[in-house]
């Protein structure tokens, strides 16, 4: 099973499954009930808003505080549904928050522990200053020599591919400098 990271979320994701598939609904409800103790609110109101509240819910789901628990919940519920149909993973992989779903399904952590961690992670990330990331197609060691203090290497994806992260203004300036050099 493969689980996505942030950016894959949207209002009413899995709504038809929530309405029609008891296993999926029970898993969503279980996650949301557990999350209530860590978030202090019912995530179902963001996932499946009442008519007229869709725009507010959509804006909320763009906030990391809600995004990460929502994606975890849907990924977990989908995996429970597939397994109820007899489809079991031979391998699990996830990107970003999807890694937590994969770890939970693999038995690395309990559902409660995973949701506690996901809620805390979403809250911490939401409270961080906003920033940007830039994919750079040269070696991280070479990029690192050019970085001002407010930027850092966020990921090394290959010998000639890395990601720089930090405040948006500094990222924009670095991008312009690199583009002038055709990097």
N, C-alpha and C. Protein backbone atom coordinates (compact mmCIF):
# COMPACT_ATOMS: atom_id res chain seq x y z
N UNK A 1 0.86 -1.18 0.00
CA UNK A 1 0.00 0.00 0.00
C UNK A 1 0.90 1.23 0.00
N UNK A 2 0.47 2.25 -0.72
CA UNK A 2 1.21 3.50 -0.79
C UNK A 2 0.31 4.62 -0.27
N UNK A 3 0.85 5.45 0.63
CA UNK A 3 0.08 6.51 1.26
C UNK A 3 0.67 7.87 0.92
N UNK A 4 -0.18 8.84 0.54
CA UNK A 4 0.30 10.15 0.10
C UNK A 4 0.65 11.07 1.27
N UNK A 5 1.32 12.14 0.91
CA UNK A 5 1.63 13.19 1.87
C UNK A 5 0.72 14.39 1.65
N UNK A 6 1.07 15.45 2.34
CA UNK A 6 0.27 16.67 2.31
C UNK A 6 0.12 17.20 0.89
N UNK A 7 -1.05 17.69 0.59
CA UNK A 7 -1.37 18.20 -0.74
C UNK A 7 -2.40 17.33 -1.44
N UNK A 8 -2.59 16.11 -0.95
CA UNK A 8 -3.55 15.19 -1.57
C UNK A 8 -4.94 15.33 -0.96
N UNK A 9 -5.10 16.20 0.03
CA UNK A 9 -6.36 16.31 0.76
C UNK A 9 -7.38 17.19 0.05
N UNK A 10 -8.64 16.91 0.30
CA UNK A 10 -9.73 17.75 -0.20
C UNK A 10 -10.99 17.45 0.60
N UNK A 11 -11.90 18.39 0.61
CA UNK A 11 -13.15 18.24 1.33
C UNK A 11 -13.95 17.09 0.73
N UNK A 12 -14.56 16.30 1.57
CA UNK A 12 -15.39 15.16 1.19
C UNK A 12 -14.61 13.99 0.59
N UNK A 13 -13.29 13.93 0.84
CA UNK A 13 -12.54 12.78 0.33
C UNK A 13 -13.05 11.52 1.02
N UNK A 14 -13.37 10.54 0.22
CA UNK A 14 -13.90 9.29 0.74
C UNK A 14 -15.34 9.38 1.23
N UNK A 15 -16.04 10.44 0.87
CA UNK A 15 -17.40 10.63 1.37
C UNK A 15 -18.32 9.47 0.99
N UNK A 16 -18.22 9.00 -0.27
CA UNK A 16 -19.07 7.88 -0.69
C UNK A 16 -18.73 6.62 0.09
N UNK A 17 -17.46 6.42 0.39
CA UNK A 17 -17.07 5.26 1.20
C UNK A 17 -17.56 5.42 2.64
N UNK A 18 -17.47 6.62 3.16
CA UNK A 18 -17.94 6.88 4.51
C UNK A 18 -19.44 6.60 4.62
N UNK A 19 -20.15 6.95 3.58
CA UNK A 19 -21.61 6.75 3.56
C UNK A 19 -21.98 5.28 3.34
N UNK A 20 -21.24 4.59 2.46
CA UNK A 20 -21.67 3.27 2.00
C UNK A 20 -20.90 2.07 2.56
N UNK A 21 -19.74 2.28 3.12
CA UNK A 21 -18.89 1.16 3.56
C UNK A 21 -18.68 1.22 5.07
N UNK A 22 -19.30 0.29 5.79
CA UNK A 22 -19.26 0.28 7.25
C UNK A 22 -17.83 0.20 7.79
N UNK A 23 -16.98 -0.63 7.20
CA UNK A 23 -15.60 -0.77 7.68
C UNK A 23 -14.87 0.57 7.56
N UNK A 24 -15.02 1.24 6.43
CA UNK A 24 -14.38 2.54 6.22
C UNK A 24 -14.92 3.54 7.24
N UNK A 25 -16.24 3.62 7.37
CA UNK A 25 -16.87 4.56 8.30
C UNK A 25 -16.41 4.30 9.73
N UNK A 26 -16.39 3.04 10.13
CA UNK A 26 -15.96 2.71 11.49
C UNK A 26 -14.52 3.13 11.74
N UNK A 27 -13.65 2.95 10.74
CA UNK A 27 -12.24 3.33 10.89
C UNK A 27 -12.09 4.85 10.97
N UNK A 28 -12.82 5.58 10.12
CA UNK A 28 -12.79 7.04 10.18
C UNK A 28 -13.30 7.50 11.55
N UNK A 29 -14.42 6.94 11.98
CA UNK A 29 -14.98 7.33 13.27
C UNK A 29 -14.02 7.02 14.42
N UNK A 30 -13.38 5.87 14.36
CA UNK A 30 -12.42 5.50 15.40
C UNK A 30 -11.27 6.51 15.45
N UNK A 31 -10.71 6.83 14.29
CA UNK A 31 -9.62 7.82 14.24
C UNK A 31 -10.09 9.18 14.76
N UNK A 32 -11.23 9.63 14.31
CA UNK A 32 -11.75 10.94 14.71
C UNK A 32 -12.07 10.99 16.20
N UNK A 33 -12.58 9.89 16.74
CA UNK A 33 -12.86 9.84 18.18
C UNK A 33 -11.56 9.93 18.98
N UNK A 34 -10.53 9.23 18.54
CA UNK A 34 -9.23 9.29 19.22
C UNK A 34 -8.64 10.70 19.07
N UNK A 35 -8.70 11.25 17.87
CA UNK A 35 -8.15 12.59 17.62
C UNK A 35 -8.84 13.67 18.43
N UNK A 36 -10.09 13.46 18.76
CA UNK A 36 -10.85 14.45 19.53
C UNK A 36 -10.11 14.79 20.83
N UNK A 37 -9.51 13.79 21.46
CA UNK A 37 -8.80 14.05 22.72
C UNK A 37 -7.50 14.82 22.51
N UNK A 38 -6.94 14.77 21.31
CA UNK A 38 -5.68 15.47 21.03
C UNK A 38 -5.89 16.81 20.33
N UNK A 39 -7.00 16.93 19.61
CA UNK A 39 -7.26 18.16 18.85
C UNK A 39 -8.35 19.03 19.49
N UNK A 40 -9.19 18.41 20.29
CA UNK A 40 -10.25 19.15 20.95
C UNK A 40 -11.42 19.48 20.04
N UNK A 41 -11.48 18.85 18.89
CA UNK A 41 -12.59 19.07 17.96
C UNK A 41 -12.77 17.85 17.06
N UNK A 42 -13.91 17.78 16.42
CA UNK A 42 -14.27 16.64 15.59
C UNK A 42 -13.80 16.87 14.16
N UNK A 43 -12.81 16.11 13.74
CA UNK A 43 -12.25 16.23 12.39
C UNK A 43 -13.29 15.92 11.31
N UNK A 44 -14.31 15.14 11.63
CA UNK A 44 -15.35 14.83 10.64
C UNK A 44 -16.03 16.09 10.12
N UNK A 45 -16.07 17.15 10.94
CA UNK A 45 -16.68 18.42 10.50
C UNK A 45 -15.86 19.09 9.41
N UNK A 46 -14.57 18.78 9.35
CA UNK A 46 -13.69 19.30 8.29
C UNK A 46 -13.71 18.38 7.08
N UNK A 47 -13.74 17.08 7.33
CA UNK A 47 -13.75 16.11 6.23
C UNK A 47 -15.09 16.11 5.50
N UNK A 48 -16.18 16.10 6.25
CA UNK A 48 -17.52 15.98 5.68
C UNK A 48 -18.41 17.10 6.23
N UNK A 49 -18.16 18.32 5.78
CA UNK A 49 -18.92 19.46 6.33
C UNK A 49 -20.39 19.42 5.90
N UNK A 50 -21.21 20.09 6.69
CA UNK A 50 -22.61 20.23 6.31
C UNK A 50 -22.72 21.19 5.13
N UNK A 51 -23.82 21.09 4.40
CA UNK A 51 -24.03 21.95 3.23
C UNK A 51 -23.89 23.41 3.66
N UNK A 52 -23.12 24.16 2.88
CA UNK A 52 -22.89 25.56 3.17
C UNK A 52 -21.58 25.82 3.92
N UNK A 53 -21.00 24.77 4.51
CA UNK A 53 -19.74 24.92 5.26
C UNK A 53 -18.53 24.41 4.48
N UNK A 54 -18.71 24.07 3.22
CA UNK A 54 -17.63 23.47 2.43
C UNK A 54 -16.43 24.40 2.27
N UNK A 55 -16.68 25.68 2.03
CA UNK A 55 -15.57 26.62 1.81
C UNK A 55 -14.73 26.75 3.07
N UNK A 56 -15.37 26.87 4.21
CA UNK A 56 -14.66 26.96 5.49
C UNK A 56 -13.86 25.69 5.74
N UNK A 57 -14.46 24.55 5.47
CA UNK A 57 -13.77 23.27 5.66
C UNK A 57 -12.58 23.15 4.71
N UNK A 58 -12.76 23.61 3.47
CA UNK A 58 -11.68 23.56 2.49
C UNK A 58 -10.49 24.39 2.96
N UNK A 59 -10.76 25.59 3.48
CA UNK A 59 -9.69 26.43 4.00
C UNK A 59 -9.01 25.76 5.19
N UNK A 60 -9.79 25.14 6.06
CA UNK A 60 -9.22 24.44 7.21
C UNK A 60 -8.32 23.30 6.78
N UNK A 61 -8.75 22.55 5.77
CA UNK A 61 -7.95 21.40 5.32
C UNK A 61 -6.65 21.81 4.65
N UNK A 62 -6.47 23.08 4.38
CA UNK A 62 -5.19 23.56 3.85
C UNK A 62 -4.21 23.85 4.99
N UNK A 63 -4.72 23.87 6.21
CA UNK A 63 -3.87 24.10 7.38
C UNK A 63 -3.30 22.77 7.85
N UNK A 64 -2.00 22.73 8.04
CA UNK A 64 -1.32 21.50 8.44
C UNK A 64 -1.94 20.86 9.67
N UNK A 65 -2.45 21.68 10.57
CA UNK A 65 -3.07 21.18 11.80
C UNK A 65 -4.19 20.19 11.50
N UNK A 66 -4.94 20.44 10.44
CA UNK A 66 -6.04 19.55 10.03
C UNK A 66 -5.62 18.59 8.93
N UNK A 67 -4.76 19.06 8.04
CA UNK A 67 -4.36 18.25 6.88
C UNK A 67 -3.77 16.92 7.28
N UNK A 68 -2.82 16.96 8.19
CA UNK A 68 -2.10 15.74 8.52
C UNK A 68 -3.00 14.70 9.20
N UNK A 69 -3.78 15.07 10.21
CA UNK A 69 -4.70 14.07 10.77
C UNK A 69 -5.73 13.58 9.75
N UNK A 70 -6.18 14.46 8.86
CA UNK A 70 -7.17 14.06 7.85
C UNK A 70 -6.58 13.03 6.89
N UNK A 71 -5.39 13.29 6.40
CA UNK A 71 -4.76 12.34 5.47
C UNK A 71 -4.47 11.01 6.16
N UNK A 72 -4.00 11.07 7.39
CA UNK A 72 -3.76 9.83 8.12
C UNK A 72 -5.06 9.05 8.24
N UNK A 73 -6.11 9.71 8.66
CA UNK A 73 -7.40 9.06 8.89
C UNK A 73 -7.91 8.38 7.63
N UNK A 74 -7.89 9.08 6.51
CA UNK A 74 -8.39 8.50 5.26
C UNK A 74 -7.51 7.35 4.80
N UNK A 75 -6.20 7.51 4.89
CA UNK A 75 -5.30 6.43 4.51
C UNK A 75 -5.49 5.20 5.36
N UNK A 76 -5.63 5.41 6.65
CA UNK A 76 -5.85 4.29 7.57
C UNK A 76 -7.19 3.60 7.26
N UNK A 77 -8.24 4.39 7.07
CA UNK A 77 -9.57 3.82 6.79
C UNK A 77 -9.57 3.05 5.47
N UNK A 78 -8.91 3.59 4.46
CA UNK A 78 -8.83 2.87 3.18
C UNK A 78 -8.11 1.54 3.34
N UNK A 79 -7.04 1.54 4.11
CA UNK A 79 -6.30 0.28 4.30
C UNK A 79 -7.17 -0.75 5.03
N UNK A 80 -7.95 -0.29 6.01
CA UNK A 80 -8.83 -1.21 6.72
C UNK A 80 -9.89 -1.79 5.78
N UNK A 81 -10.41 -0.95 4.89
CA UNK A 81 -11.41 -1.40 3.92
C UNK A 81 -10.83 -2.44 2.98
N UNK A 82 -9.66 -2.14 2.40
CA UNK A 82 -9.03 -3.08 1.48
C UNK A 82 -8.74 -4.41 2.18
N UNK A 83 -8.23 -4.34 3.42
CA UNK A 83 -7.93 -5.59 4.12
C UNK A 83 -9.20 -6.37 4.46
N UNK A 84 -10.32 -5.67 4.69
CA UNK A 84 -11.58 -6.37 4.93
C UNK A 84 -12.04 -7.11 3.68
N UNK A 85 -11.59 -6.67 2.53
CA UNK A 85 -11.91 -7.32 1.26
C UNK A 85 -10.91 -8.43 0.93
N UNK A 86 -9.92 -8.64 1.81
CA UNK A 86 -8.93 -9.68 1.59
C UNK A 86 -7.69 -9.22 0.86
N UNK A 87 -7.55 -7.93 0.65
CA UNK A 87 -6.37 -7.39 -0.03
C UNK A 87 -5.42 -6.88 1.06
N UNK A 88 -4.29 -7.59 1.23
CA UNK A 88 -3.32 -7.23 2.27
C UNK A 88 -2.03 -6.76 1.61
N UNK A 89 -1.38 -5.80 2.24
CA UNK A 89 -0.13 -5.30 1.66
C UNK A 89 1.02 -6.28 1.85
N UNK A 90 1.85 -6.38 0.83
CA UNK A 90 3.11 -7.11 0.96
C UNK A 90 4.20 -6.14 1.36
N UNK A 91 3.95 -4.86 1.09
CA UNK A 91 4.88 -3.79 1.45
C UNK A 91 4.06 -2.53 1.70
N UNK A 92 4.62 -1.65 2.48
CA UNK A 92 3.96 -0.38 2.81
C UNK A 92 4.97 0.74 2.59
N UNK A 93 4.49 1.84 2.01
CA UNK A 93 5.35 3.00 1.81
C UNK A 93 4.48 4.24 1.91
N UNK A 94 5.07 5.31 2.36
CA UNK A 94 4.33 6.55 2.45
C UNK A 94 5.24 7.74 2.27
N UNK A 95 4.66 8.81 1.82
CA UNK A 95 5.40 10.07 1.69
C UNK A 95 4.95 10.99 2.82
N UNK A 96 5.88 11.51 3.59
CA UNK A 96 5.60 12.46 4.66
C UNK A 96 4.59 11.86 5.64
N UNK A 97 3.41 12.44 5.77
CA UNK A 97 2.44 11.93 6.74
C UNK A 97 2.03 10.49 6.39
N UNK A 98 2.13 10.14 5.12
CA UNK A 98 1.83 8.77 4.71
C UNK A 98 2.74 7.73 5.34
N UNK A 99 3.96 8.16 5.73
CA UNK A 99 4.87 7.24 6.41
C UNK A 99 4.30 6.78 7.75
N UNK A 100 3.55 7.67 8.40
CA UNK A 100 2.96 7.32 9.70
C UNK A 100 1.85 6.29 9.53
N UNK A 101 1.08 6.41 8.46
CA UNK A 101 0.03 5.41 8.20
C UNK A 101 0.70 4.06 7.93
N UNK A 102 1.72 4.08 7.09
CA UNK A 102 2.43 2.84 6.77
C UNK A 102 3.00 2.20 8.04
N UNK A 103 3.60 3.01 8.90
CA UNK A 103 4.18 2.49 10.14
C UNK A 103 3.10 1.91 11.05
N UNK A 104 1.97 2.56 11.12
CA UNK A 104 0.87 2.07 11.96
C UNK A 104 0.34 0.74 11.42
N UNK A 105 0.10 0.67 10.13
CA UNK A 105 -0.42 -0.57 9.52
C UNK A 105 0.60 -1.70 9.69
N UNK A 106 1.88 -1.35 9.64
CA UNK A 106 2.94 -2.36 9.80
C UNK A 106 3.10 -2.82 11.24
N UNK A 107 2.42 -2.16 12.18
CA UNK A 107 2.51 -2.55 13.58
C UNK A 107 3.66 -1.91 14.33
N UNK A 108 4.30 -0.91 13.73
CA UNK A 108 5.40 -0.21 14.40
C UNK A 108 4.89 0.58 15.59
N UNK A 109 3.67 1.10 15.47
CA UNK A 109 3.05 1.84 16.57
C UNK A 109 1.56 1.58 16.57
N UNK A 110 0.96 1.77 17.72
CA UNK A 110 -0.49 1.57 17.83
C UNK A 110 -1.22 2.71 17.14
N UNK A 111 -2.49 2.51 16.86
CA UNK A 111 -3.30 3.56 16.24
C UNK A 111 -3.35 4.79 17.15
N UNK A 112 -3.55 4.58 18.44
CA UNK A 112 -3.60 5.70 19.37
C UNK A 112 -2.29 6.48 19.39
N UNK A 113 -1.17 5.77 19.46
CA UNK A 113 0.13 6.45 19.46
C UNK A 113 0.37 7.19 18.15
N UNK A 114 0.01 6.56 17.04
CA UNK A 114 0.19 7.21 15.73
C UNK A 114 -0.63 8.49 15.65
N UNK A 115 -1.89 8.43 16.07
CA UNK A 115 -2.74 9.62 16.00
C UNK A 115 -2.28 10.71 16.96
N UNK A 116 -1.79 10.33 18.11
CA UNK A 116 -1.24 11.31 19.05
C UNK A 116 -0.05 12.02 18.42
N UNK A 117 0.82 11.26 17.79
CA UNK A 117 2.00 11.80 17.12
C UNK A 117 1.61 12.67 15.93
N UNK A 118 0.66 12.22 15.13
CA UNK A 118 0.21 12.97 13.96
C UNK A 118 -0.43 14.30 14.37
N UNK A 119 -1.25 14.28 15.41
CA UNK A 119 -1.88 15.52 15.88
C UNK A 119 -0.83 16.49 16.40
N UNK A 120 0.15 15.98 17.15
CA UNK A 120 1.22 16.84 17.66
C UNK A 120 2.07 17.39 16.52
N UNK A 121 2.39 16.55 15.55
CA UNK A 121 3.19 16.97 14.40
C UNK A 121 2.47 18.06 13.62
N UNK A 122 1.19 17.85 13.36
CA UNK A 122 0.41 18.86 12.63
C UNK A 122 0.38 20.18 13.36
N UNK A 123 0.20 20.13 14.67
CA UNK A 123 0.16 21.36 15.46
C UNK A 123 1.51 22.07 15.45
N UNK A 124 2.58 21.31 15.66
CA UNK A 124 3.92 21.90 15.66
C UNK A 124 4.26 22.53 14.31
N UNK A 125 3.96 21.81 13.24
CA UNK A 125 4.25 22.33 11.91
C UNK A 125 3.41 23.56 11.60
N UNK A 126 2.16 23.56 12.04
CA UNK A 126 1.27 24.71 11.82
C UNK A 126 1.83 25.95 12.51
N UNK A 127 2.47 25.76 13.65
CA UNK A 127 2.98 26.89 14.43
C UNK A 127 4.35 27.38 13.98
N UNK A 128 4.98 26.67 13.06
CA UNK A 128 6.28 27.10 12.53
C UNK A 128 6.08 28.28 11.58
N UNK A 129 7.10 29.12 11.47
CA UNK A 129 6.99 30.19 10.47
C UNK A 129 6.86 29.59 9.08
N UNK A 130 6.09 30.25 8.25
CA UNK A 130 5.92 29.77 6.87
C UNK A 130 7.25 29.91 6.12
N UNK A 131 7.45 29.04 5.17
CA UNK A 131 8.67 29.06 4.38
C UNK A 131 8.43 28.45 3.02
N UNK A 132 9.52 28.16 2.36
CA UNK A 132 9.45 27.58 1.02
C UNK A 132 10.54 26.54 0.87
N UNK A 133 10.40 25.76 -0.19
CA UNK A 133 11.42 24.77 -0.53
C UNK A 133 11.78 24.96 -2.00
N UNK A 134 13.01 24.58 -2.33
CA UNK A 134 13.50 24.72 -3.70
C UNK A 134 14.30 23.48 -4.06
N UNK A 135 13.90 22.84 -5.15
CA UNK A 135 14.65 21.71 -5.67
C UNK A 135 15.83 22.26 -6.48
N UNK A 136 17.03 21.77 -6.18
CA UNK A 136 18.24 22.27 -6.83
C UNK A 136 18.98 21.09 -7.46
N UNK A 137 19.33 21.23 -8.72
CA UNK A 137 19.93 20.12 -9.45
C UNK A 137 21.46 20.21 -9.50
N UNK A 138 22.05 20.34 -8.32
CA UNK A 138 23.49 20.20 -8.15
C UNK A 138 23.72 19.53 -6.79
N UNK A 139 24.95 19.08 -6.56
CA UNK A 139 25.26 18.36 -5.33
C UNK A 139 24.99 19.22 -4.09
N UNK A 140 24.50 18.58 -3.06
CA UNK A 140 24.19 19.28 -1.81
C UNK A 140 25.41 19.99 -1.24
N UNK A 141 26.57 19.37 -1.34
CA UNK A 141 27.80 19.97 -0.82
C UNK A 141 28.09 21.31 -1.52
N UNK A 142 27.84 21.36 -2.82
CA UNK A 142 28.07 22.60 -3.58
C UNK A 142 27.04 23.67 -3.21
N UNK A 143 25.79 23.25 -3.05
CA UNK A 143 24.73 24.19 -2.69
C UNK A 143 24.97 24.74 -1.29
N UNK A 144 25.38 23.88 -0.39
CA UNK A 144 25.56 24.27 1.01
C UNK A 144 26.54 25.44 1.15
N UNK A 145 27.55 25.48 0.32
CA UNK A 145 28.55 26.56 0.35
C UNK A 145 27.93 27.92 0.01
N UNK A 146 26.81 27.93 -0.68
CA UNK A 146 26.15 29.15 -1.14
C UNK A 146 25.05 29.64 -0.20
N UNK A 147 24.69 28.85 0.79
CA UNK A 147 23.51 29.13 1.57
C UNK A 147 23.74 30.18 2.66
N UNK A 148 22.82 31.16 2.72
CA UNK A 148 22.85 32.09 3.86
C UNK A 148 22.35 31.35 5.11
N UNK A 149 22.51 31.96 6.26
CA UNK A 149 22.17 31.32 7.54
C UNK A 149 20.72 30.90 7.64
N UNK A 150 19.81 31.62 6.98
CA UNK A 150 18.38 31.31 7.12
C UNK A 150 17.91 30.17 6.21
N UNK A 151 18.82 29.58 5.42
CA UNK A 151 18.48 28.45 4.56
C UNK A 151 19.29 27.23 4.96
N UNK A 152 18.72 26.05 4.67
CA UNK A 152 19.45 24.82 4.94
C UNK A 152 19.05 23.75 3.94
N UNK A 153 19.88 22.72 3.87
CA UNK A 153 19.57 21.56 3.03
C UNK A 153 18.47 20.78 3.75
N UNK A 154 17.35 20.57 3.07
CA UNK A 154 16.23 19.84 3.67
C UNK A 154 16.26 18.36 3.29
N UNK A 155 16.78 18.06 2.10
CA UNK A 155 16.83 16.67 1.66
C UNK A 155 17.90 16.52 0.58
N UNK A 156 18.52 15.37 0.56
CA UNK A 156 19.45 15.00 -0.49
C UNK A 156 18.79 13.84 -1.22
N UNK A 157 18.36 14.11 -2.46
CA UNK A 157 17.59 13.11 -3.21
C UNK A 157 18.43 12.34 -4.22
N UNK A 158 19.66 12.76 -4.41
CA UNK A 158 20.55 12.09 -5.34
C UNK A 158 21.88 12.81 -5.38
N UNK A 159 22.85 12.26 -6.11
CA UNK A 159 24.17 12.89 -6.16
C UNK A 159 24.15 14.33 -6.69
N UNK A 160 23.22 14.63 -7.57
CA UNK A 160 23.11 15.96 -8.16
C UNK A 160 21.72 16.56 -7.96
N UNK A 161 21.07 16.23 -6.85
CA UNK A 161 19.72 16.72 -6.60
C UNK A 161 19.47 16.84 -5.10
N UNK A 162 19.14 18.07 -4.68
CA UNK A 162 18.84 18.28 -3.26
C UNK A 162 17.70 19.30 -3.15
N UNK A 163 17.22 19.47 -1.94
CA UNK A 163 16.15 20.42 -1.66
C UNK A 163 16.65 21.37 -0.58
N UNK A 164 16.44 22.66 -0.82
CA UNK A 164 16.80 23.69 0.14
C UNK A 164 15.51 24.23 0.74
N UNK A 165 15.53 24.53 2.05
CA UNK A 165 14.34 25.05 2.72
C UNK A 165 14.72 26.24 3.59
N UNK A 166 13.71 27.09 3.79
CA UNK A 166 13.91 28.25 4.66
C UNK A 166 12.91 29.33 4.36
N UNK A 167 13.20 30.54 4.78
CA UNK A 167 12.23 31.61 4.57
C UNK A 167 12.08 31.92 3.07
N UNK A 168 10.88 32.29 2.70
CA UNK A 168 10.53 32.45 1.28
C UNK A 168 11.38 33.49 0.58
N UNK A 169 11.64 34.60 1.22
CA UNK A 169 12.44 35.66 0.61
C UNK A 169 13.84 35.16 0.25
N UNK A 170 14.47 34.44 1.17
CA UNK A 170 15.81 33.91 0.91
C UNK A 170 15.78 32.83 -0.17
N UNK A 171 14.74 32.01 -0.19
CA UNK A 171 14.60 30.98 -1.23
C UNK A 171 14.45 31.64 -2.60
N UNK A 172 13.62 32.67 -2.67
CA UNK A 172 13.41 33.39 -3.94
C UNK A 172 14.71 33.98 -4.44
N UNK A 173 15.49 34.56 -3.55
CA UNK A 173 16.79 35.16 -3.92
C UNK A 173 17.75 34.08 -4.42
N UNK A 174 17.83 32.96 -3.70
CA UNK A 174 18.70 31.86 -4.12
C UNK A 174 18.27 31.32 -5.48
N UNK A 175 16.97 31.18 -5.69
CA UNK A 175 16.47 30.67 -6.97
C UNK A 175 16.91 31.59 -8.11
N UNK A 176 16.77 32.88 -7.91
CA UNK A 176 17.17 33.84 -8.95
C UNK A 176 18.66 33.73 -9.25
N UNK A 177 19.47 33.61 -8.21
CA UNK A 177 20.93 33.47 -8.40
C UNK A 177 21.27 32.20 -9.18
N UNK A 178 20.61 31.09 -8.80
CA UNK A 178 20.88 29.82 -9.47
C UNK A 178 20.41 29.84 -10.92
N UNK A 179 19.25 30.47 -11.15
CA UNK A 179 18.74 30.56 -12.52
C UNK A 179 19.66 31.38 -13.42
N UNK A 180 20.27 32.42 -12.86
CA UNK A 180 21.24 33.21 -13.65
C UNK A 180 22.40 32.35 -14.11
N UNK A 181 22.73 31.35 -13.32
CA UNK A 181 23.83 30.42 -13.65
C UNK A 181 23.30 29.22 -14.42
N UNK A 182 22.02 29.25 -14.78
CA UNK A 182 21.36 28.16 -15.49
C UNK A 182 21.38 26.85 -14.70
N UNK A 183 21.25 26.97 -13.40
CA UNK A 183 21.12 25.81 -12.51
C UNK A 183 19.67 25.66 -12.18
